[in-house]
Amino acid sequence: MAVVRFEISLAIPKEVYDTIPLAKKTAARDAIRGLKALAVKINEGQSNEEMTVRAIWRVCYHDEGEGHPPCEPEQEI
């Protein structure tokens, strides 16, 4: 079976993300959830199964230099 595969990884500065209106954040979340509901695992049940039904977000501090706080836990979308 052919599939359309999306792989999206975005890193938006928190100060920019915080300026996005809540309605837009909610609309983006809902769109991701809608697509996720249609998704399937590639080769489900086989030894080469791929986890292709995953969408997460978290606050990450890697760019804050040495001694940065730990990244927040991943949250499922």
PDB file of N, CA and C in Angstrom:
ATOM      1  N   MET A   1       0.853  -1.181   0.000  1.00  0.00           N
ATOM      2  CA  MET A   1       0.000   0.000   0.000  1.00  0.00           C
ATOM      3  C   MET A   1       0.893   1.237   0.000  1.00  0.00           C
ATOM      4  N   ALA A   2       0.628   2.150  -0.880  1.00  0.00           N
ATOM      5  CA  ALA A   2       1.352   3.413  -0.906  1.00  0.00           C
ATOM      6  C   ALA A   2       0.813   4.325   0.195  1.00  0.00           C
ATOM      7  N   VAL A   3       1.678   5.135   0.763  1.00  0.00           N
ATOM      8  CA  VAL A   3       1.271   6.096   1.794  1.00  0.00           C
ATOM      9  C   VAL A   3       1.868   7.449   1.468  1.00  0.00           C
ATOM     10  N   VAL A   4       1.246   8.490   1.973  1.00  0.00           N
ATOM     11  CA  VAL A   4       1.822   9.833   1.936  1.00  0.00           C
ATOM     12  C   VAL A   4       2.428  10.044   3.320  1.00  0.00           C
ATOM     13  N   ARG A   5       3.717  10.246   3.356  1.00  0.00           N
ATOM     14  CA  ARG A   5       4.418  10.301   4.634  1.00  0.00           C
ATOM     15  C   ARG A   5       4.871  11.728   4.931  1.00  0.00           C
ATOM     16  N   PHE A   6       4.512  12.216   6.108  1.00  0.00           N
ATOM     17  CA  PHE A   6       4.931  13.528   6.575  1.00  0.00           C
ATOM     18  C   PHE A   6       5.942  13.333   7.702  1.00  0.00           C
ATOM     19  N   GLU A   7       7.005  14.082   7.682  1.00  0.00           N
ATOM     20  CA  GLU A   7       7.935  14.143   8.802  1.00  0.00           C
ATOM     21  C   GLU A   7       8.237  15.616   9.014  1.00  0.00           C
ATOM     22  N   ILE A   8       7.750  16.158  10.113  1.00  0.00           N
ATOM     23  CA  ILE A   8       7.885  17.584  10.380  1.00  0.00           C
ATOM     24  C   ILE A   8       8.548  17.755  11.741  1.00  0.00           C
ATOM     25  N   SER A   9       9.599  18.528  11.786  1.00  0.00           N
ATOM     26  CA  SER A   9      10.242  18.865  13.043  1.00  0.00           C
ATOM     27  C   SER A   9      10.487  20.368  13.015  1.00  0.00           C
ATOM     28  N   LEU A  10       9.883  21.091  13.927  1.00  0.00           N
ATOM     29  CA  LEU A  10       9.989  22.543  13.965  1.00  0.00           C
ATOM     30  C   LEU A  10      10.523  22.983  15.318  1.00  0.00           C
ATOM     31  N   ALA A  11      11.391  23.977  15.320  1.00  0.00           N
ATOM     32  CA  ALA A  11      11.872  24.563  16.574  1.00  0.00           C
ATOM     33  C   ALA A  11      11.610  26.065  16.500  1.00  0.00           C
ATOM     34  N   ILE A  12      10.599  26.506  17.196  1.00  0.00           N
ATOM     35  CA  ILE A  12      10.191  27.912  17.193  1.00  0.00           C
ATOM     36  C   ILE A  12      10.666  28.538  18.495  1.00  0.00           C
ATOM     37  N   PRO A  13      11.380  29.668  18.443  1.00  0.00           N
ATOM     38  CA  PRO A  13      11.797  30.303  19.697  1.00  0.00           C
ATOM     39  C   PRO A  13      10.581  30.544  20.600  1.00  0.00           C
ATOM     40  N   LYS A  14      10.758  30.256  21.884  1.00  0.00           N
ATOM     41  CA  LYS A  14       9.638  30.348  22.819  1.00  0.00           C
ATOM     42  C   LYS A  14       9.035  31.751  22.843  1.00  0.00           C
ATOM     43  N   GLU A  15       9.875  32.766  22.771  1.00  0.00           N
ATOM     44  CA  GLU A  15       9.334  34.133  22.798  1.00  0.00           C
ATOM     45  C   GLU A  15       8.476  34.424  21.571  1.00  0.00           C
ATOM     46  N   VAL A  16       8.772  33.796  20.452  1.00  0.00           N
ATOM     47  CA  VAL A  16       7.943  33.930  19.246  1.00  0.00           C
ATOM     48  C   VAL A  16       6.665  33.111  19.422  1.00  0.00           C
ATOM     49  N   TYR A  17       6.817  31.856  19.884  1.00  0.00           N
ATOM     50  CA  TYR A  17       5.659  30.985  20.091  1.00  0.00           C
ATOM     51  C   TYR A  17       4.657  31.626  21.040  1.00  0.00           C
ATOM     52  N   ASP A  18       5.166  32.266  22.083  1.00  0.00           N
ATOM     53  CA  ASP A  18       4.285  32.886  23.077  1.00  0.00           C
ATOM     54  C   ASP A  18       3.452  34.035  22.502  1.00  0.00           C
ATOM     55  N   THR A  19       3.865  34.591  21.362  1.00  0.00           N
ATOM     56  CA  THR A  19       3.108  35.690  20.747  1.00  0.00           C
ATOM     57  C   THR A  19       2.018  35.197  19.793  1.00  0.00           C
ATOM     58  N   ILE A  20       2.036  33.905  19.475  1.00  0.00           N
ATOM     59  CA  ILE A  20       1.028  33.354  18.561  1.00  0.00           C
ATOM     60  C   ILE A  20      -0.317  33.316  19.293  1.00  0.00           C
ATOM     61  N   PRO A  21      -1.368  33.830  18.693  1.00  0.00           N
ATOM     62  CA  PRO A  21      -2.680  33.814  19.351  1.00  0.00           C
ATOM     63  C   PRO A  21      -3.127  32.381  19.666  1.00  0.00           C
ATOM     64  N   LEU A  22      -3.794  32.232  20.788  1.00  0.00           N
ATOM     65  CA  LEU A  22      -4.264  30.918  21.238  1.00  0.00           C
ATOM     66  C   LEU A  22      -5.117  30.233  20.181  1.00  0.00           C
ATOM     67  N   ALA A  23      -5.942  30.992  19.476  1.00  0.00           N
ATOM     68  CA  ALA A  23      -6.804  30.400  18.441  1.00  0.00           C
ATOM     69  C   ALA A  23      -5.975  29.723  17.352  1.00  0.00           C
ATOM     70  N   LYS A  24      -4.842  30.321  16.982  1.00  0.00           N
ATOM     71  CA  LYS A  24      -3.981  29.711  15.962  1.00  0.00           C
ATOM     72  C   LYS A  24      -3.282  28.477  16.499  1.00  0.00           C
ATOM     73  N   LYS A  25      -2.850  28.527  17.751  1.00  0.00           N
ATOM     74  CA  LYS A  25      -2.213  27.352  18.362  1.00  0.00           C
ATOM     75  C   LYS A  25      -3.211  26.200  18.426  1.00  0.00           C
ATOM     76  N   THR A  26      -4.434  26.499  18.800  1.00  0.00           N
ATOM     77  CA  THR A  26      -5.477  25.478  18.897  1.00  0.00           C
ATOM     78  C   THR A  26      -5.806  24.918  17.516  1.00  0.00           C
ATOM     79  N   ALA A  27      -5.892  25.776  16.512  1.00  0.00           N
ATOM     80  CA  ALA A  27      -6.187  25.326  15.149  1.00  0.00           C
ATOM     81  C   ALA A  27      -5.077  24.411  14.629  1.00  0.00           C
ATOM     82  N   ALA A  28      -3.818  24.760  14.896  1.00  0.00           N
ATOM     83  CA  ALA A  28      -2.697  23.922  14.472  1.00  0.00           C
ATOM     84  C   ALA A  28      -2.760  22.568  15.172  1.00  0.00           C
ATOM     85  N   ARG A  29      -3.009  22.570  16.475  1.00  0.00           N
ATOM     86  CA  ARG A  29      -3.123  21.319  17.235  1.00  0.00           C
ATOM     87  C   ARG A  29      -4.245  20.451  16.678  1.00  0.00           C
ATOM     88  N   ASP A  30      -5.394  21.061  16.422  1.00  0.00           N
ATOM     89  CA  ASP A  30      -6.535  20.309  15.909  1.00  0.00           C
ATOM     90  C   ASP A  30      -6.261  19.730  14.522  1.00  0.00           C
ATOM     91  N   ALA A  31      -5.562  20.483  13.682  1.00  0.00           N
ATOM     92  CA  ALA A  31      -5.209  19.984  12.347  1.00  0.00           C
ATOM     93  C   ALA A  31      -4.269  18.788  12.458  1.00  0.00           C
ATOM     94  N   ILE A  32      -3.291  18.868  13.352  1.00  0.00           N
ATOM     95  CA  ILE A  32      -2.364  17.752  13.554  1.00  0.00           C
ATOM     96  C   ILE A  32      -3.121  16.536  14.065  1.00  0.00           C
ATOM     97  N   ARG A  33      -4.002  16.737  15.016  1.00  0.00           N
ATOM     98  CA  ARG A  33      -4.790  15.620  15.546  1.00  0.00           C
ATOM     99  C   ARG A  33      -5.665  14.992  14.464  1.00  0.00           C
ATOM    100  N   GLY A  34      -6.212  15.816  13.585  1.00  0.00           N
ATOM    101  CA  GLY A  34      -7.043  15.297  12.502  1.00  0.00           C
ATOM    102  C   GLY A  34      -6.246  14.416  11.556  1.00  0.00           C
ATOM    103  N   LEU A  35      -5.052  14.851  11.190  1.00  0.00           N
ATOM    104  CA  LEU A  35      -4.197  14.041  10.333  1.00  0.00           C
ATOM    105  C   LEU A  35      -3.732  12.781  11.056  1.00  0.00           C
ATOM    106  N   LYS A  36      -3.425  12.924  12.332  1.00  0.00           N
ATOM    107  CA  LYS A  36      -2.968  11.775  13.122  1.00  0.00           C
ATOM    108  C   LYS A  36      -4.050  10.692  13.184  1.00  0.00           C
ATOM    109  N   ALA A  37      -5.295  11.100  13.238  1.00  0.00           N
ATOM    110  CA  ALA A  37      -6.403  10.149  13.295  1.00  0.00           C
ATOM    111  C   ALA A  37      -6.485   9.294  12.022  1.00  0.00           C
ATOM    112  N   LEU A  38      -5.949   9.794  10.923  1.00  0.00           N
ATOM    113  CA  LEU A  38      -5.970   9.074   9.649  1.00  0.00           C
ATOM    114  C   LEU A  38      -4.725   8.217   9.444  1.00  0.00           C
ATOM    115  N   ALA A  39      -3.719   8.429  10.276  1.00  0.00           N
ATOM    116  CA  ALA A  39      -2.412   7.800  10.079  1.00  0.00           C
ATOM    117  C   ALA A  39      -2.410   6.321  10.451  1.00  0.00           C
ATOM    118  N   VAL A  40      -1.488   5.595   9.842  1.00  0.00           N
ATOM    119  CA  VAL A  40      -1.289   4.173  10.122  1.00  0.00           C
ATOM    120  C   VAL A  40       0.200   3.937  10.363  1.00  0.00           C
ATOM    121  N   LYS A  41       0.507   2.850  11.049  1.00  0.00           N
ATOM    122  CA  LYS A  41       1.905   2.452  11.198  1.00  0.00           C
ATOM    123  C   LYS A  41       2.325   1.750   9.909  1.00  0.00           C
ATOM    124  N   ILE A  42       3.483   2.098   9.401  1.00  0.00           N
ATOM    125  CA  ILE A  42       4.005   1.426   8.214  1.00  0.00           C
ATOM    126  C   ILE A  42       4.443   0.015   8.623  1.00  0.00           C
ATOM    127  N   ASN A  43       4.023  -0.966   7.857  1.00  0.00           N
ATOM    128  CA  ASN A  43       4.338  -2.377   8.120  1.00  0.00           C
ATOM    129  C   ASN A  43       3.862  -2.823   9.502  1.00  0.00           C
ATOM    130  N   GLU A  44       2.676  -2.386   9.877  1.00  0.00           N
ATOM    131  CA  GLU A  44       2.139  -2.715  11.199  1.00  0.00           C
ATOM    132  C   GLU A  44       2.109  -4.220  11.436  1.00  0.00           C
ATOM    133  N   GLY A  45       2.596  -4.623  12.610  1.00  0.00           N
ATOM    134  CA  GLY A  45       2.594  -6.017  13.004  1.00  0.00           C
ATOM    135  C   GLY A  45       3.759  -6.833  12.468  1.00  0.00           C
ATOM    136  N   GLN A  46       4.587  -6.211  11.645  1.00  0.00           N
ATOM    137  CA  GLN A  46       5.736  -6.912  11.087  1.00  0.00           C
ATOM    138  C   GLN A  46       7.009  -6.512  11.836  1.00  0.00           C
ATOM    139  N   SER A  47       8.068  -7.261  11.626  1.00  0.00           N
ATOM    140  CA  SER A  47       9.322  -6.988  12.332  1.00  0.00           C
ATOM    141  C   SER A  47       9.913  -5.630  11.961  1.00  0.00           C
ATOM    142  N   ASN A  48       9.562  -5.104  10.800  1.00  0.00           N
ATOM    143  CA  ASN A  48      10.076  -3.800  10.372  1.00  0.00           C
ATOM    144  C   ASN A  48       9.028  -2.683  10.519  1.00  0.00           C
ATOM    145  N   GLU A  49       8.111  -2.858  11.477  1.00  0.00           N
ATOM    146  CA  GLU A  49       7.075  -1.848  11.737  1.00  0.00           C
ATOM    147  C   GLU A  49       7.719  -0.506  12.071  1.00  0.00           C
ATOM    148  N   GLU A  50       7.166   0.553  11.544  1.00  0.00           N
ATOM    149  CA  GLU A  50       7.650   1.902  11.823  1.00  0.00           C
ATOM    150  C   GLU A  50       6.578   2.689  12.573  1.00  0.00           C
ATOM    151  N   MET A  51       6.981   3.405  13.612  1.00  0.00           N
ATOM    152  CA  MET A  51       6.046   4.237  14.368  1.00  0.00           C
ATOM    153  C   MET A  51       5.821   5.526  13.583  1.00  0.00           C
ATOM    154  N   THR A  52       4.778   5.526  12.791  1.00  0.00           N
ATOM    155  CA  THR A  52       4.457   6.689  11.959  1.00  0.00           C
ATOM    156  C   THR A  52       3.140   7.322  12.377  1.00  0.00           C
ATOM    157  N   VAL A  53       2.754   7.091  13.624  1.00  0.00           N
ATOM    158  CA  VAL A  53       1.565   7.720  14.199  1.00  0.00           C
ATOM    159  C   VAL A  53       2.022   8.387  15.493  1.00  0.00           C
ATOM    160  N   ARG A  54       2.752   9.488  15.339  1.00  0.00           N
ATOM    161  CA  ARG A  54       3.315  10.151  16.514  1.00  0.00           C
ATOM    162  C   ARG A  54       3.381  11.645  16.265  1.00  0.00           C
ATOM    163  N   ALA A  55       2.926  12.408  17.231  1.00  0.00           N
ATOM    164  CA  ALA A  55       3.040  13.862  17.184  1.00  0.00           C
ATOM    165  C   ALA A  55       3.229  14.333  18.623  1.00  0.00           C
ATOM    166  N   ILE A  56       4.346  14.987  18.884  1.00  0.00           N
ATOM    167  CA  ILE A  56       4.643  15.454  20.243  1.00  0.00           C
ATOM    168  C   ILE A  56       5.109  16.904  20.202  1.00  0.00           C
ATOM    169  N   TRP A  57       5.114  17.532  21.361  1.00  0.00           N
ATOM    170  CA  TRP A  57       5.725  18.850  21.502  1.00  0.00           C
ATOM    171  C   TRP A  57       6.329  18.929  22.895  1.00  0.00           C
ATOM    172  N   ARG A  58       7.270  19.820  23.057  1.00  0.00           N
ATOM    173  CA  ARG A  58       7.899  20.057  24.361  1.00  0.00           C
ATOM    174  C   ARG A  58       8.691  21.343  24.298  1.00  0.00           C
ATOM    175  N   VAL A  59       8.987  21.900  25.457  1.00  0.00           N
ATOM    176  CA  VAL A  59       9.868  23.061  25.545  1.00  0.00           C
ATOM    177  C   VAL A  59      11.279  22.514  25.746  1.00  0.00           C
ATOM    178  N   CYS A  60      12.205  22.980  24.918  1.00  0.00           N
ATOM    179  CA  CYS A  60      13.573  22.478  24.912  1.00  0.00           C
ATOM    180  C   CYS A  60      14.533  23.639  25.221  1.00  0.00           C
ATOM    181  N   TYR A  61      15.578  23.369  25.971  1.00  0.00           N
ATOM    182  CA  TYR A  61      16.513  24.416  26.402  1.00  0.00           C
ATOM    183  C   TYR A  61      17.929  24.214  25.873  1.00  0.00           C
ATOM    184  N   HIS A  62      18.124  23.402  24.839  1.00  0.00           N
ATOM    185  CA  HIS A  62      19.461  23.087  24.357  1.00  0.00           C
ATOM    186  C   HIS A  62      20.285  24.302  23.963  1.00  0.00           C
ATOM    187  N   ASP A  63      19.673  25.343  23.458  1.00  0.00           N
ATOM    188  CA  ASP A  63      20.417  26.511  22.988  1.00  0.00           C
ATOM    189  C   ASP A  63      20.785  27.488  24.101  1.00  0.00           C
ATOM    190  N   GLU A  64      20.500  27.153  25.337  1.00  0.00           N
ATOM    191  CA  GLU A  64      20.772  28.084  26.430  1.00  0.00           C
ATOM    192  C   GLU A  64      22.148  27.899  27.054  1.00  0.00           C
ATOM    193  N   GLY A  65      22.971  27.096  26.450  1.00  0.00           N
ATOM    194  CA  GLY A  65      24.344  26.951  26.912  1.00  0.00           C
ATOM    195  C   GLY A  65      24.501  25.958  28.048  1.00  0.00           C
ATOM    196  N   GLU A  66      25.726  25.919  28.554  1.00  0.00           N
ATOM    197  CA  GLU A  66      26.072  24.974  29.612  1.00  0.00           C
ATOM    198  C   GLU A  66      25.238  25.211  30.863  1.00  0.00           C
ATOM    199  N   GLY A  67      24.837  24.130  31.504  1.00  0.00           N
ATOM    200  CA  GLY A  67      24.046  24.245  32.724  1.00  0.00           C
ATOM    201  C   GLY A  67      22.585  24.593  32.487  1.00  0.00           C
ATOM    202  N   HIS A  68      22.125  24.450  31.247  1.00  0.00           N
ATOM    203  CA  HIS A  68      20.730  24.786  30.931  1.00  0.00           C
ATOM    204  C   HIS A  68      19.787  23.854  31.688  1.00  0.00           C
ATOM    205  N   PRO A  69      18.558  24.294  31.924  1.00  0.00           N
ATOM    206  CA  PRO A  69      17.590  23.402  32.569  1.00  0.00           C
ATOM    207  C   PRO A  69      17.283  22.220  31.656  1.00  0.00           C
ATOM    208  N   PRO A  70      16.819  21.119  32.241  1.00  0.00           N
ATOM    209  CA  PRO A  70      16.460  19.974  31.396  1.00  0.00           C
ATOM    210  C   PRO A  70      15.242  20.305  30.529  1.00  0.00           C
ATOM    211  N   CYS A  71      15.190  19.666  29.373  1.00  0.00           N
ATOM    212  CA  CYS A  71      14.025  19.845  28.508  1.00  0.00           C
ATOM    213  C   CYS A  71      12.783  19.316  29.222  1.00  0.00           C
ATOM    214  N   GLU A  72      11.655  19.922  28.932  1.00  0.00           N
ATOM    215  CA  GLU A  72      10.412  19.475  29.523  1.00  0.00           C
ATOM    216  C   GLU A  72      10.005  18.140  28.903  1.00  0.00           C
ATOM    217  N   PRO A  73       9.175  17.372  29.584  1.00  0.00           N
ATOM    218  CA  PRO A  73       8.749  16.070  29.032  1.00  0.00           C
ATOM    219  C   PRO A  73       7.972  16.239  27.729  1.00  0.00           C
ATOM    220  N   GLU A  74       8.082  15.244  26.864  1.00  0.00           N
ATOM    221  CA  GLU A  74       7.317  15.249  25.631  1.00  0.00           C
ATOM    222  C   GLU A  74       5.833  15.124  25.961  1.00  0.00           C
ATOM    223  N   GLN A  75       5.017  15.874  25.215  1.00  0.00           N
ATOM    224  CA  GLN A  75       3.570  15.810  25.385  1.00  0.00           C
ATOM    225  C   GLN A  75       2.949  15.412  24.053  1.00  0.00           C
ATOM    226  N   GLU A  76       2.102  14.428  24.106  1.00  0.00           N
ATOM    227  CA  GLU A  76       1.439  13.947  22.889  1.00  0.00           C
ATOM    228  C   GLU A  76       0.440  14.997  22.404  1.00  0.00           C
ATOM    229  N   ILE A  77       0.400  15.168  21.092  1.00  0.00           N
ATOM    230  CA  ILE A  77      -0.571  16.076  20.483  1.00  0.00           C
ATOM    231  C   ILE A  77      -1.790  15.261  20.103  1.00  0.00           C
TER     232      ILE A  77
END
